[in-house]
Structure formats: structure tokens, C-alpha cells
Amino acid sequence: LKKMGWLCSDTAELGFSDVRVPVVNLVGPEGSGFLQIMQQFQVER
């Protein structure tokens, strides 16, 4: 993606088409993603 600013920072659109990902790559319990994201959002903000 081409942007107004942050020109040295690459920015992408990503596509996933039947991508097989090992279950061992699941971060935390299944269904816990939203809570993990919200917790880290405060640090990001």
C-alpha cells in the first residue's frame, strides 16, 4: 500500500486462501483472542 506518510514503513494487504496453519500456532486458548487484543490495545494506544 502507498501512503501519505510513514513512507519508510511497509504496509500490506494480506490474503488467506485455504491456508493450513498448525494448531500449535494458536496463541492462548481458542476463543481468547479478543481479550488478548483488548489487553494489548491499552499499551499500543
All heavy atoms as atom14 arrays in JSON, in Angstrom:
{
  "sequence": "LKKMGWLCSDTAELGFSDVRVPVVNLVGPEGSGFLQIMQQFQVER",
  "atom14_mask": [
    [1, 1, 1, 1, 1, 1, 1, 1, 0, 0, 0, 0, 0, 0],
    [1, 1, 1, 1, 1, 1, 1, 1, 1, 0, 0, 0, 0, 0],
    [1, 1, 1, 1, 1, 1, 1, 1, 1, 0, 0, 0, 0, 0],
    [1, 1, 1, 1, 1, 1, 1, 1, 0, 0, 0, 0, 0, 0],
    [1, 1, 1, 1, 0, 0, 0, 0, 0, 0, 0, 0, 0, 0],
    [1, 1, 1, 1, 1, 1, 1, 1, 1, 1, 1, 1, 1, 1],
    [1, 1, 1, 1, 1, 1, 1, 1, 0, 0, 0, 0, 0, 0],
    [1, 1, 1, 1, 1, 1, 0, 0, 0, 0, 0, 0, 0, 0],
    [1, 1, 1, 1, 1, 1, 0, 0, 0, 0, 0, 0, 0, 0],
    [1, 1, 1, 1, 1, 1, 1, 1, 0, 0, 0, 0, 0, 0],
    [1, 1, 1, 1, 1, 1, 1, 0, 0, 0, 0, 0, 0, 0],
    [1, 1, 1, 1, 1, 0, 0, 0, 0, 0, 0, 0, 0, 0],
    [1, 1, 1, 1, 1, 1, 1, 1, 1, 0, 0, 0, 0, 0],
    [1, 1, 1, 1, 1, 1, 1, 1, 0, 0, 0, 0, 0, 0],
    [1, 1, 1, 1, 0, 0, 0, 0, 0, 0, 0, 0, 0, 0],
    [1, 1, 1, 1, 1, 1, 1, 1, 1, 1, 1, 0, 0, 0],
    [1, 1, 1, 1, 1, 1, 0, 0, 0, 0, 0, 0, 0, 0],
    [1, 1, 1, 1, 1, 1, 1, 1, 0, 0, 0, 0, 0, 0],
    [1, 1, 1, 1, 1, 1, 1, 0, 0, 0, 0, 0, 0, 0],
    [1, 1, 1, 1, 1, 1, 1, 1, 1, 1, 1, 0, 0, 0],
    [1, 1, 1, 1, 1, 1, 1, 0, 0, 0, 0, 0, 0, 0],
    [1, 1, 1, 1, 1, 1, 1, 0, 0, 0, 0, 0, 0, 0],
    [1, 1, 1, 1, 1, 1, 1, 0, 0, 0, 0, 0, 0, 0],
    [1, 1, 1, 1, 1, 1, 1, 0, 0, 0, 0, 0, 0, 0],
    [1, 1, 1, 1, 1, 1, 1, 1, 0, 0, 0, 0, 0, 0],
    [1, 1, 1, 1, 1, 1, 1, 1, 0, 0, 0, 0, 0, 0],
    [1, 1, 1, 1, 1, 1, 1, 0, 0, 0, 0, 0, 0, 0],
    [1, 1, 1, 1, 0, 0, 0, 0, 0, 0, 0, 0, 0, 0],
    [1, 1, 1, 1, 1, 1, 1, 0, 0, 0, 0, 0, 0, 0],
    [1, 1, 1, 1, 1, 1, 1, 1, 1, 0, 0, 0, 0, 0],
    [1, 1, 1, 1, 0, 0, 0, 0, 0, 0, 0, 0, 0, 0],
    [1, 1, 1, 1, 1, 1, 0, 0, 0, 0, 0, 0, 0, 0],
    [1, 1, 1, 1, 0, 0, 0, 0, 0, 0, 0, 0, 0, 0],
    [1, 1, 1, 1, 1, 1, 1, 1, 1, 1, 1, 0, 0, 0],
    [1, 1, 1, 1, 1, 1, 1, 1, 0, 0, 0, 0, 0, 0],
    [1, 1, 1, 1, 1, 1, 1, 1, 1, 0, 0, 0, 0, 0],
    [1, 1, 1, 1, 1, 1, 1, 1, 0, 0, 0, 0, 0, 0],
    [1, 1, 1, 1, 1, 1, 1, 1, 0, 0, 0, 0, 0, 0],
    [1, 1, 1, 1, 1, 1, 1, 1, 1, 0, 0, 0, 0, 0],
    [1, 1, 1, 1, 1, 1, 1, 1, 1, 0, 0, 0, 0, 0],
    [1, 1, 1, 1, 1, 1, 1, 1, 1, 1, 1, 0, 0, 0],
    [1, 1, 1, 1, 1, 1, 1, 1, 1, 0, 0, 0, 0, 0],
    [1, 1, 1, 1, 1, 1, 1, 0, 0, 0, 0, 0, 0, 0],
    [1, 1, 1, 1, 1, 1, 1, 1, 1, 0, 0, 0, 0, 0],
    [1, 1, 1, 1, 1, 1, 1, 1, 1, 1, 1, 0, 0, 0]
  ],
  "atom14_positions": [
    [[0.81, -1.21, 0.0], [0.0, 0.0, 0.0], [0.85, 1.27, 0.0], [1.84, 1.36, 0.73], [-0.92, -0.01, 1.22], [-1.82, -1.25, 1.35], [-2.62, -1.19, 2.64], [-2.76, -1.36, 0.15], [0.0, 0.0, 0.0], [0.0, 0.0, 0.0], [0.0, 0.0, 0.0], [0.0, 0.0, 0.0], [0.0, 0.0, 0.0], [0.0, 0.0, 0.0]],
    [[0.47, 2.23, -0.82], [1.15, 3.52, -0.9], [0.41, 4.51, 0.01], [-0.81, 4.64, -0.08], [1.17, 4.04, -2.34], [1.81, 3.07, -3.33], [3.28, 2.82, -3.02], [3.92, 1.92, -4.07], [5.33, 1.62, -3.73], [0.0, 0.0, 0.0], [0.0, 0.0, 0.0], [0.0, 0.0, 0.0], [0.0, 0.0, 0.0], [0.0, 0.0, 0.0]],
    [[1.16, 5.22, 0.84], [0.54, 6.03, 1.87], [0.95, 7.5, 1.8], [1.94, 7.85, 1.15], [0.91, 5.48, 3.25], [0.7, 3.99, 3.41], [1.06, 3.5, 4.8], [2.52, 3.7, 5.16], [3.44, 2.95, 4.3], [0.0, 0.0, 0.0], [0.0, 0.0, 0.0], [0.0, 0.0, 0.0], [0.0, 0.0, 0.0], [0.0, 0.0, 0.0]],
    [[0.21, 8.34, 2.52], [0.54, 9.76, 2.66], [1.85, 9.93, 3.42], [2.71, 10.74, 3.04], [-0.59, 10.48, 3.41], [-0.26, 11.93, 3.77], [-1.42, 12.62, 4.98], [-2.95, 12.61, 4.05], [0.0, 0.0, 0.0], [0.0, 0.0, 0.0], [0.0, 0.0, 0.0], [0.0, 0.0, 0.0], [0.0, 0.0, 0.0], [0.0, 0.0, 0.0]],
    [[1.98, 9.22, 4.51], [3.15, 9.33, 5.37], [3.67, 7.96, 5.75], [3.32, 6.95, 5.14], [0.0, 0.0, 0.0], [0.0, 0.0, 0.0], [0.0, 0.0, 0.0], [0.0, 0.0, 0.0], [0.0, 0.0, 0.0], [0.0, 0.0, 0.0], [0.0, 0.0, 0.0], [0.0, 0.0, 0.0], [0.0, 0.0, 0.0], [0.0, 0.0, 0.0]],
    [[4.54, 7.93, 6.77], [5.18, 6.68, 7.18], [5.76, 5.95, 5.96], [5.6, 4.74, 5.8], [4.19, 5.78, 7.9], [3.92, 6.11, 9.33], [4.23, 7.26, 9.97], [3.28, 5.27, 10.31], [3.83, 7.21, 11.29], [3.25, 6.0, 11.53], [2.73, 3.99, 10.28], [2.68, 5.47, 12.7], [2.18, 3.47, 11.43], [2.15, 4.2, 12.63]],
    [[6.43, 6.69, 5.11], [6.89, 6.12, 3.84], [7.93, 5.03, 4.02], [8.06, 4.14, 3.16], [7.44, 7.24, 2.94], [6.47, 8.36, 2.57], [7.11, 9.31, 1.58], [5.18, 7.79, 2.01], [0.0, 0.0, 0.0], [0.0, 0.0, 0.0], [0.0, 0.0, 0.0], [0.0, 0.0, 0.0], [0.0, 0.0, 0.0], [0.0, 0.0, 0.0]],
    [[8.7, 5.06, 5.1], [9.72, 4.03, 5.31], [9.14, 2.79, 5.97], [9.85, 1.8, 6.18], [10.87, 4.58, 6.15], [10.42, 4.99, 7.86], [0.0, 0.0, 0.0], [0.0, 0.0, 0.0], [0.0, 0.0, 0.0], [0.0, 0.0, 0.0], [0.0, 0.0, 0.0], [0.0, 0.0, 0.0], [0.0, 0.0, 0.0], [0.0, 0.0, 0.0]],
    [[7.86, 2.83, 6.3], [7.19, 1.7, 6.94], [6.31, 0.98, 5.92], [5.33, 1.53, 5.43], [6.33, 2.21, 8.11], [5.57, 1.16, 8.67], [0.0, 0.0, 0.0], [0.0, 0.0, 0.0], [0.0, 0.0, 0.0], [0.0, 0.0, 0.0], [0.0, 0.0, 0.0], [0.0, 0.0, 0.0], [0.0, 0.0, 0.0], [0.0, 0.0, 0.0]],
    [[6.69, -0.26, 5.58], [5.91, -1.01, 4.6], [4.55, -1.4, 5.19], [4.43, -1.78, 6.35], [6.66, -2.26, 4.15], [7.0, -3.21, 5.29], [7.84, -2.83, 6.14], [6.43, -4.32, 5.34], [0.0, 0.0, 0.0], [0.0, 0.0, 0.0], [0.0, 0.0, 0.0], [0.0, 0.0, 0.0], [0.0, 0.0, 0.0], [0.0, 0.0, 0.0]],
    [[3.53, -1.29, 4.37], [2.16, -1.58, 4.79], [1.5, -2.46, 3.74], [1.62, -2.19, 2.54], [1.36, -0.28, 4.96], [2.08, 0.6, 5.82], [0.0, -0.55, 5.57], [0.0, 0.0, 0.0], [0.0, 0.0, 0.0], [0.0, 0.0, 0.0], [0.0, 0.0, 0.0], [0.0, 0.0, 0.0], [0.0, 0.0, 0.0], [0.0, 0.0, 0.0]],
    [[0.8, -3.5, 4.18], [0.32, -4.51, 3.24], [-1.16, -4.81, 3.39], [-1.75, -4.65, 4.46], [1.1, -5.81, 3.43], [0.0, 0.0, 0.0], [0.0, 0.0, 0.0], [0.0, 0.0, 0.0], [0.0, 0.0, 0.0], [0.0, 0.0, 0.0], [0.0, 0.0, 0.0], [0.0, 0.0, 0.0], [0.0, 0.0, 0.0], [0.0, 0.0, 0.0]],
    [[-1.72, -5.28, 2.28], [-2.97, -6.01, 2.31], [-2.6, -7.48, 2.16], [-1.82, -7.84, 1.28], [-3.91, -5.58, 1.18], [-5.22, -6.35, 1.18], [-6.19, -5.9, 0.1], [-5.83, -5.0, -0.7], [-7.3, -6.45, 0.03], [0.0, 0.0, 0.0], [0.0, 0.0, 0.0], [0.0, 0.0, 0.0], [0.0, 0.0, 0.0], [0.0, 0.0, 0.0]],
    [[-3.15, -8.32, 3.03], [-2.8, -9.74, 3.04], [-4.0, -10.59, 2.66], [-5.14, -10.28, 3.04], [-2.31, -10.16, 4.43], [-1.15, -9.34, 5.03], [-0.85, -9.8, 6.45], [0.09, -9.46, 4.15], [0.0, 0.0, 0.0], [0.0, 0.0, 0.0], [0.0, 0.0, 0.0], [0.0, 0.0, 0.0], [0.0, 0.0, 0.0], [0.0, 0.0, 0.0]],
    [[-3.73, -11.65, 1.92], [-4.79, -12.57, 1.52], [-4.54, -13.98, 2.05], [-3.4, -14.45, 2.07], [0.0, 0.0, 0.0], [0.0, 0.0, 0.0], [0.0, 0.0, 0.0], [0.0, 0.0, 0.0], [0.0, 0.0, 0.0], [0.0, 0.0, 0.0], [0.0, 0.0, 0.0], [0.0, 0.0, 0.0], [0.0, 0.0, 0.0], [0.0, 0.0, 0.0]],
    [[-5.62, -14.64, 2.48], [-5.55, -16.0, 3.01], [-6.54, -16.87, 2.24], [-7.75, -16.63, 2.3], [-5.89, -16.04, 4.5], [-5.09, -15.09, 5.35], [-5.45, -13.74, 5.45], [-3.98, -15.53, 6.06], [-4.73, -12.86, 6.24], [-3.25, -14.65, 6.84], [-3.62, -13.32, 6.93], [0.0, 0.0, 0.0], [0.0, 0.0, 0.0], [0.0, 0.0, 0.0]],
    [[-6.03, -17.85, 1.53], [-6.9, -18.73, 0.75], [-6.58, -20.18, 1.09], [-5.57, -20.74, 0.65], [-6.68, -18.48, -0.75], [-7.49, -19.35, -1.53], [0.0, 0.0, 0.0], [0.0, 0.0, 0.0], [0.0, 0.0, 0.0], [0.0, 0.0, 0.0], [0.0, 0.0, 0.0], [0.0, 0.0, 0.0], [0.0, 0.0, 0.0], [0.0, 0.0, 0.0]],
    [[-7.43, -20.77, 1.93], [-7.23, -22.15, 2.4], [-5.81, -22.36, 2.94], [-5.14, -23.35, 2.61], [-7.52, -23.14, 1.26], [-8.99, -23.2, 0.9], [-9.83, -22.94, 1.78], [-9.3, -23.5, -0.27], [0.0, 0.0, 0.0], [0.0, 0.0, 0.0], [0.0, 0.0, 0.0], [0.0, 0.0, 0.0], [0.0, 0.0, 0.0], [0.0, 0.0, 0.0]],
    [[-5.37, -21.44, 3.77], [-4.03, -21.53, 4.36], [-4.07, -22.49, 5.54], [-4.84, -22.29, 6.49], [-3.53, -20.15, 4.84], [-2.12, -20.26, 5.39], [-3.6, -19.14, 3.71], [0.0, 0.0, 0.0], [0.0, 0.0, 0.0], [0.0, 0.0, 0.0], [0.0, 0.0, 0.0], [0.0, 0.0, 0.0], [0.0, 0.0, 0.0], [0.0, 0.0, 0.0]],
    [[-3.24, -23.53, 5.49], [-3.2, -24.51, 6.57], [-2.15, -24.07, 7.61], [-0.97, -23.93, 7.29], [-2.88, -25.9, 6.03], [-3.96, -26.43, 5.08], [-3.69, -27.88, 4.65], [-3.77, -28.81, 5.76], [-4.9, -29.33, 6.26], [-6.07, -28.97, 5.72], [-4.88, -30.18, 7.26], [0.0, 0.0, 0.0], [0.0, 0.0, 0.0], [0.0, 0.0, 0.0]],
    [[-2.64, -23.85, 8.82], [-1.78, -23.37, 9.91], [-1.82, -24.39, 11.04], [-2.9, -24.77, 11.49], [-2.28, -22.0, 10.42], [-1.38, -21.5, 11.56], [-2.32, -20.99, 9.28], [0.0, 0.0, 0.0], [0.0, 0.0, 0.0], [0.0, 0.0, 0.0], [0.0, 0.0, 0.0], [0.0, 0.0, 0.0], [0.0, 0.0, 0.0], [0.0, 0.0, 0.0]],
    [[-0.65, -24.84, 11.51], [-0.63, -25.83, 12.59], [-1.35, -25.34, 13.85], [-1.25, -24.16, 14.21], [0.87, -26.03, 12.86], [1.55, -25.57, 11.62], [0.7, -24.48, 11.06], [0.0, 0.0, 0.0], [0.0, 0.0, 0.0], [0.0, 0.0, 0.0], [0.0, 0.0, 0.0], [0.0, 0.0, 0.0], [0.0, 0.0, 0.0], [0.0, 0.0, 0.0]],
    [[-2.04, -26.24, 14.51], [-2.75, -25.9, 15.74], [-1.79, -25.37, 16.8], [-2.17, -24.53, 17.63], [-3.53, -27.13, 16.27], [-4.07, -26.88, 17.67], [-4.66, -27.49, 15.31], [0.0, 0.0, 0.0], [0.0, 0.0, 0.0], [0.0, 0.0, 0.0], [0.0, 0.0, 0.0], [0.0, 0.0, 0.0], [0.0, 0.0, 0.0], [0.0, 0.0, 0.0]],
    [[-0.54, -25.81, 16.76], [0.45, -25.34, 17.75], [0.72, -23.84, 17.61], [1.33, -23.24, 18.51], [1.77, -26.12, 17.64], [1.58, -27.58, 18.04], [2.38, -26.0, 16.25], [0.0, 0.0, 0.0], [0.0, 0.0, 0.0], [0.0, 0.0, 0.0], [0.0, 0.0, 0.0], [0.0, 0.0, 0.0], [0.0, 0.0, 0.0], [0.0, 0.0, 0.0]],
    [[0.27, -23.23, 16.51], [0.45, -21.78, 16.32], [-0.69, -20.97, 16.91], [-0.73, -19.75, 16.76], [0.59, -21.46, 14.82], [1.96, -21.8, 14.28], [2.71, -22.55, 14.9], [2.3, -21.26, 13.13], [0.0, 0.0, 0.0], [0.0, 0.0, 0.0], [0.0, 0.0, 0.0], [0.0, 0.0, 0.0], [0.0, 0.0, 0.0], [0.0, 0.0, 0.0]],
    [[-1.62, -21.65, 17.58], [-2.7, -20.94, 18.28], [-2.12, -20.28, 19.52], [-1.47, -20.92, 20.34], [-3.81, -21.93, 18.67], [-5.01, -21.34, 19.42], [-5.84, -20.46, 18.51], [-5.88, -22.48, 19.99], [0.0, 0.0, 0.0], [0.0, 0.0, 0.0], [0.0, 0.0, 0.0], [0.0, 0.0, 0.0], [0.0, 0.0, 0.0], [0.0, 0.0, 0.0]],
    [[-2.36, -18.98, 19.66], [-1.83, -18.22, 20.8], [-2.88, -18.18, 21.9], [-3.93, -17.54, 21.76], [-1.44, -16.79, 20.39], [-0.85, -16.04, 21.59], [-0.45, -16.82, 19.24], [0.0, 0.0, 0.0], [0.0, 0.0, 0.0], [0.0, 0.0, 0.0], [0.0, 0.0, 0.0], [0.0, 0.0, 0.0], [0.0, 0.0, 0.0], [0.0, 0.0, 0.0]],
    [[-2.61, -18.88, 23.0], [-3.58, -18.94, 24.09], [-4.74, -19.86, 23.73], [-4.78, -20.45, 22.65], [0.0, 0.0, 0.0], [0.0, 0.0, 0.0], [0.0, 0.0, 0.0], [0.0, 0.0, 0.0], [0.0, 0.0, 0.0], [0.0, 0.0, 0.0], [0.0, 0.0, 0.0], [0.0, 0.0, 0.0], [0.0, 0.0, 0.0], [0.0, 0.0, 0.0]],
    [[-5.72, -19.97, 24.6], [-6.87, -20.84, 24.33], [-7.7, -20.33, 23.15], [-7.75, -19.13, 22.88], [-7.68, -20.78, 25.64], [-6.73, -20.27, 26.67], [-5.78, -19.38, 25.95], [0.0, 0.0, 0.0], [0.0, 0.0, 0.0], [0.0, 0.0, 0.0], [0.0, 0.0, 0.0], [0.0, 0.0, 0.0], [0.0, 0.0, 0.0], [0.0, 0.0, 0.0]],
    [[-8.35, -21.25, 22.49], [-9.27, -20.86, 21.43], [-10.38, -19.99, 22.03], [-10.91, -20.29, 23.09], [-9.87, -22.11, 20.77], [-10.64, -21.83, 19.5], [-11.05, -23.1, 18.76], [-10.16, -23.76, 18.17], [-12.26, -23.43, 18.8], [0.0, 0.0, 0.0], [0.0, 0.0, 0.0], [0.0, 0.0, 0.0], [0.0, 0.0, 0.0], [0.0, 0.0, 0.0]],
    [[-10.7, -18.91, 21.33], [-11.74, -18.0, 21.8], [-11.25, -16.9, 22.72], [-12.03, -16.05, 23.15], [0.0, 0.0, 0.0], [0.0, 0.0, 0.0], [0.0, 0.0, 0.0], [0.0, 0.0, 0.0], [0.0, 0.0, 0.0], [0.0, 0.0, 0.0], [0.0, 0.0, 0.0], [0.0, 0.0, 0.0], [0.0, 0.0, 0.0], [0.0, 0.0, 0.0]],
    [[-9.94, -16.88, 22.99], [-9.4, -15.85, 23.91], [-8.79, -14.67, 23.16], [-8.26, -13.75, 23.79], [-8.33, -16.48, 24.81], [-7.17, -16.82, 24.06], [0.0, 0.0, 0.0], [0.0, 0.0, 0.0], [0.0, 0.0, 0.0], [0.0, 0.0, 0.0], [0.0, 0.0, 0.0], [0.0, 0.0, 0.0], [0.0, 0.0, 0.0], [0.0, 0.0, 0.0]],
    [[-8.87, -14.67, 21.85], [-8.19, -13.66, 21.05], [-8.65, -12.24, 21.32], [-7.84, -11.32, 21.43], [0.0, 0.0, 0.0], [0.0, 0.0, 0.0], [0.0, 0.0, 0.0], [0.0, 0.0, 0.0], [0.0, 0.0, 0.0], [0.0, 0.0, 0.0], [0.0, 0.0, 0.0], [0.0, 0.0, 0.0], [0.0, 0.0, 0.0], [0.0, 0.0, 0.0]],
    [[-9.96, -12.06, 21.45], [-10.48, -10.7, 21.65], [-9.95, -10.1, 22.94], [-9.51, -8.94, 22.97], [-12.01, -10.72, 21.66], [-12.64, -9.35, 21.75], [-12.83, -8.58, 20.62], [-13.04, -8.84, 22.99], [-13.4, -7.31, 20.71], [-13.61, -7.58, 23.08], [-13.79, -6.81, 21.94], [0.0, 0.0, 0.0], [0.0, 0.0, 0.0], [0.0, 0.0, 0.0]],
    [[-9.97, -10.88, 24.01], [-9.47, -10.39, 25.3], [-7.99, -10.05, 25.21], [-7.55, -9.01, 25.72], [-9.71, -11.43, 26.39], [-9.19, -11.05, 27.79], [-9.85, -9.78, 28.29], [-9.45, -12.21, 28.77], [0.0, 0.0, 0.0], [0.0, 0.0, 0.0], [0.0, 0.0, 0.0], [0.0, 0.0, 0.0], [0.0, 0.0, 0.0], [0.0, 0.0, 0.0]],
    [[-7.21, -10.92, 24.56], [-5.78, -10.66, 24.41], [-5.53, -9.36, 23.64], [-4.66, -8.56, 24.0], [-5.1, -11.82, 23.69], [-5.06, -13.12, 24.46], [-4.25, -14.17, 23.71], [-3.03, -14.02, 23.53], [-4.9, -15.23, 23.26], [0.0, 0.0, 0.0], [0.0, 0.0, 0.0], [0.0, 0.0, 0.0], [0.0, 0.0, 0.0], [0.0, 0.0, 0.0]],
    [[-6.29, -9.16, 22.59], [-6.14, -7.95, 21.76], [-6.48, -6.71, 22.58], [-5.76, -5.71, 22.55], [-7.04, -8.04, 20.51], [-6.53, -9.13, 19.57], [-7.09, -6.69, 19.78], [-7.51, -9.5, 18.47], [0.0, 0.0, 0.0], [0.0, 0.0, 0.0], [0.0, 0.0, 0.0], [0.0, 0.0, 0.0], [0.0, 0.0, 0.0], [0.0, 0.0, 0.0]],
    [[-7.58, -6.77, 23.33], [-8.0, -5.61, 24.12], [-6.98, -5.27, 25.19], [-6.7, -4.09, 25.45], [-9.36, -5.88, 24.77], [-10.53, -5.93, 23.78], [-10.76, -4.38, 22.85], [-10.16, -4.89, 21.23], [0.0, 0.0, 0.0], [0.0, 0.0, 0.0], [0.0, 0.0, 0.0], [0.0, 0.0, 0.0], [0.0, 0.0, 0.0], [0.0, 0.0, 0.0]],
    [[-6.41, -6.28, 25.81], [-5.39, -6.03, 26.84], [-4.17, -5.34, 26.25], [-3.63, -4.4, 26.85], [-4.99, -7.35, 27.5], [-6.09, -7.94, 28.38], [-5.78, -9.35, 28.87], [-4.98, -10.07, 28.26], [-6.39, -9.74, 29.97], [0.0, 0.0, 0.0], [0.0, 0.0, 0.0], [0.0, 0.0, 0.0], [0.0, 0.0, 0.0], [0.0, 0.0, 0.0]],
    [[-3.74, -5.78, 25.09], [-2.56, -5.18, 24.46], [-2.87, -3.83, 23.82], [-1.98, -3.0, 23.65], [-1.98, -6.14, 23.41], [-1.34, -7.38, 24.0], [-0.17, -7.05, 24.92], [0.57, -6.09, 24.72], [0.01, -7.87, 25.94], [0.0, 0.0, 0.0], [0.0, 0.0, 0.0], [0.0, 0.0, 0.0], [0.0, 0.0, 0.0], [0.0, 0.0, 0.0]],
    [[-4.14, -3.6, 23.48], [-4.53, -2.33, 22.88], [-4.19, -1.15, 23.79], [-3.83, -0.07, 23.31], [-6.04, -2.32, 22.58], [-6.37, -2.46, 21.12], [-7.63, -2.89, 20.73], [-5.45, -2.15, 20.13], [-7.95, -3.03, 19.38], [-5.76, -2.27, 18.78], [-7.01, -2.72, 18.41], [0.0, 0.0, 0.0], [0.0, 0.0, 0.0], [0.0, 0.0, 0.0]],
    [[-4.31, -1.33, 25.1], [-4.04, -0.22, 26.0], [-2.57, 0.2, 25.93], [-2.24, 1.38, 25.94], [-4.43, -0.59, 27.44], [-5.88, -1.0, 27.6], [-6.84, -0.02, 26.94], [-6.75, 1.2, 27.11], [-7.79, -0.55, 26.17], [0.0, 0.0, 0.0], [0.0, 0.0, 0.0], [0.0, 0.0, 0.0], [0.0, 0.0, 0.0], [0.0, 0.0, 0.0]],
    [[-1.68, -0.78, 25.82], [-0.25, -0.49, 25.67], [0.0, 0.16, 24.31], [0.75, 1.14, 24.21], [0.59, -1.77, 25.82], [2.06, -1.48, 25.52], [0.43, -2.34, 27.22], [0.0, 0.0, 0.0], [0.0, 0.0, 0.0], [0.0, 0.0, 0.0], [0.0, 0.0, 0.0], [0.0, 0.0, 0.0], [0.0, 0.0, 0.0], [0.0, 0.0, 0.0]],
    [[-0.62, -0.37, 23.27], [-0.43, 0.19, 21.93], [-0.91, 1.64, 21.88], [-0.24, 2.51, 21.29], [-1.19, -0.64, 20.89], [-1.04, -0.11, 19.48], [-1.83, -0.89, 18.44], [-2.49, -1.9, 18.81], [-1.82, -0.48, 17.26], [0.0, 0.0, 0.0], [0.0, 0.0, 0.0], [0.0, 0.0, 0.0], [0.0, 0.0, 0.0], [0.0, 0.0, 0.0]],
    [[-2.04, 1.93, 22.5], [-2.58, 3.29, 22.48], [-1.69, 4.24, 23.27], [-1.48, 5.39, 22.85], [-4.01, 3.28, 23.01], [-4.98, 2.69, 22.01], [-6.32, 2.32, 22.61], [-7.19, 1.75, 21.58], [-8.31, 1.1, 21.81], [-8.73, 0.91, 23.06], [-9.03, 0.61, 20.81], [0.0, 0.0, 0.0], [0.0, 0.0, 0.0], [0.0, 0.0, 0.0]]
  ]
}
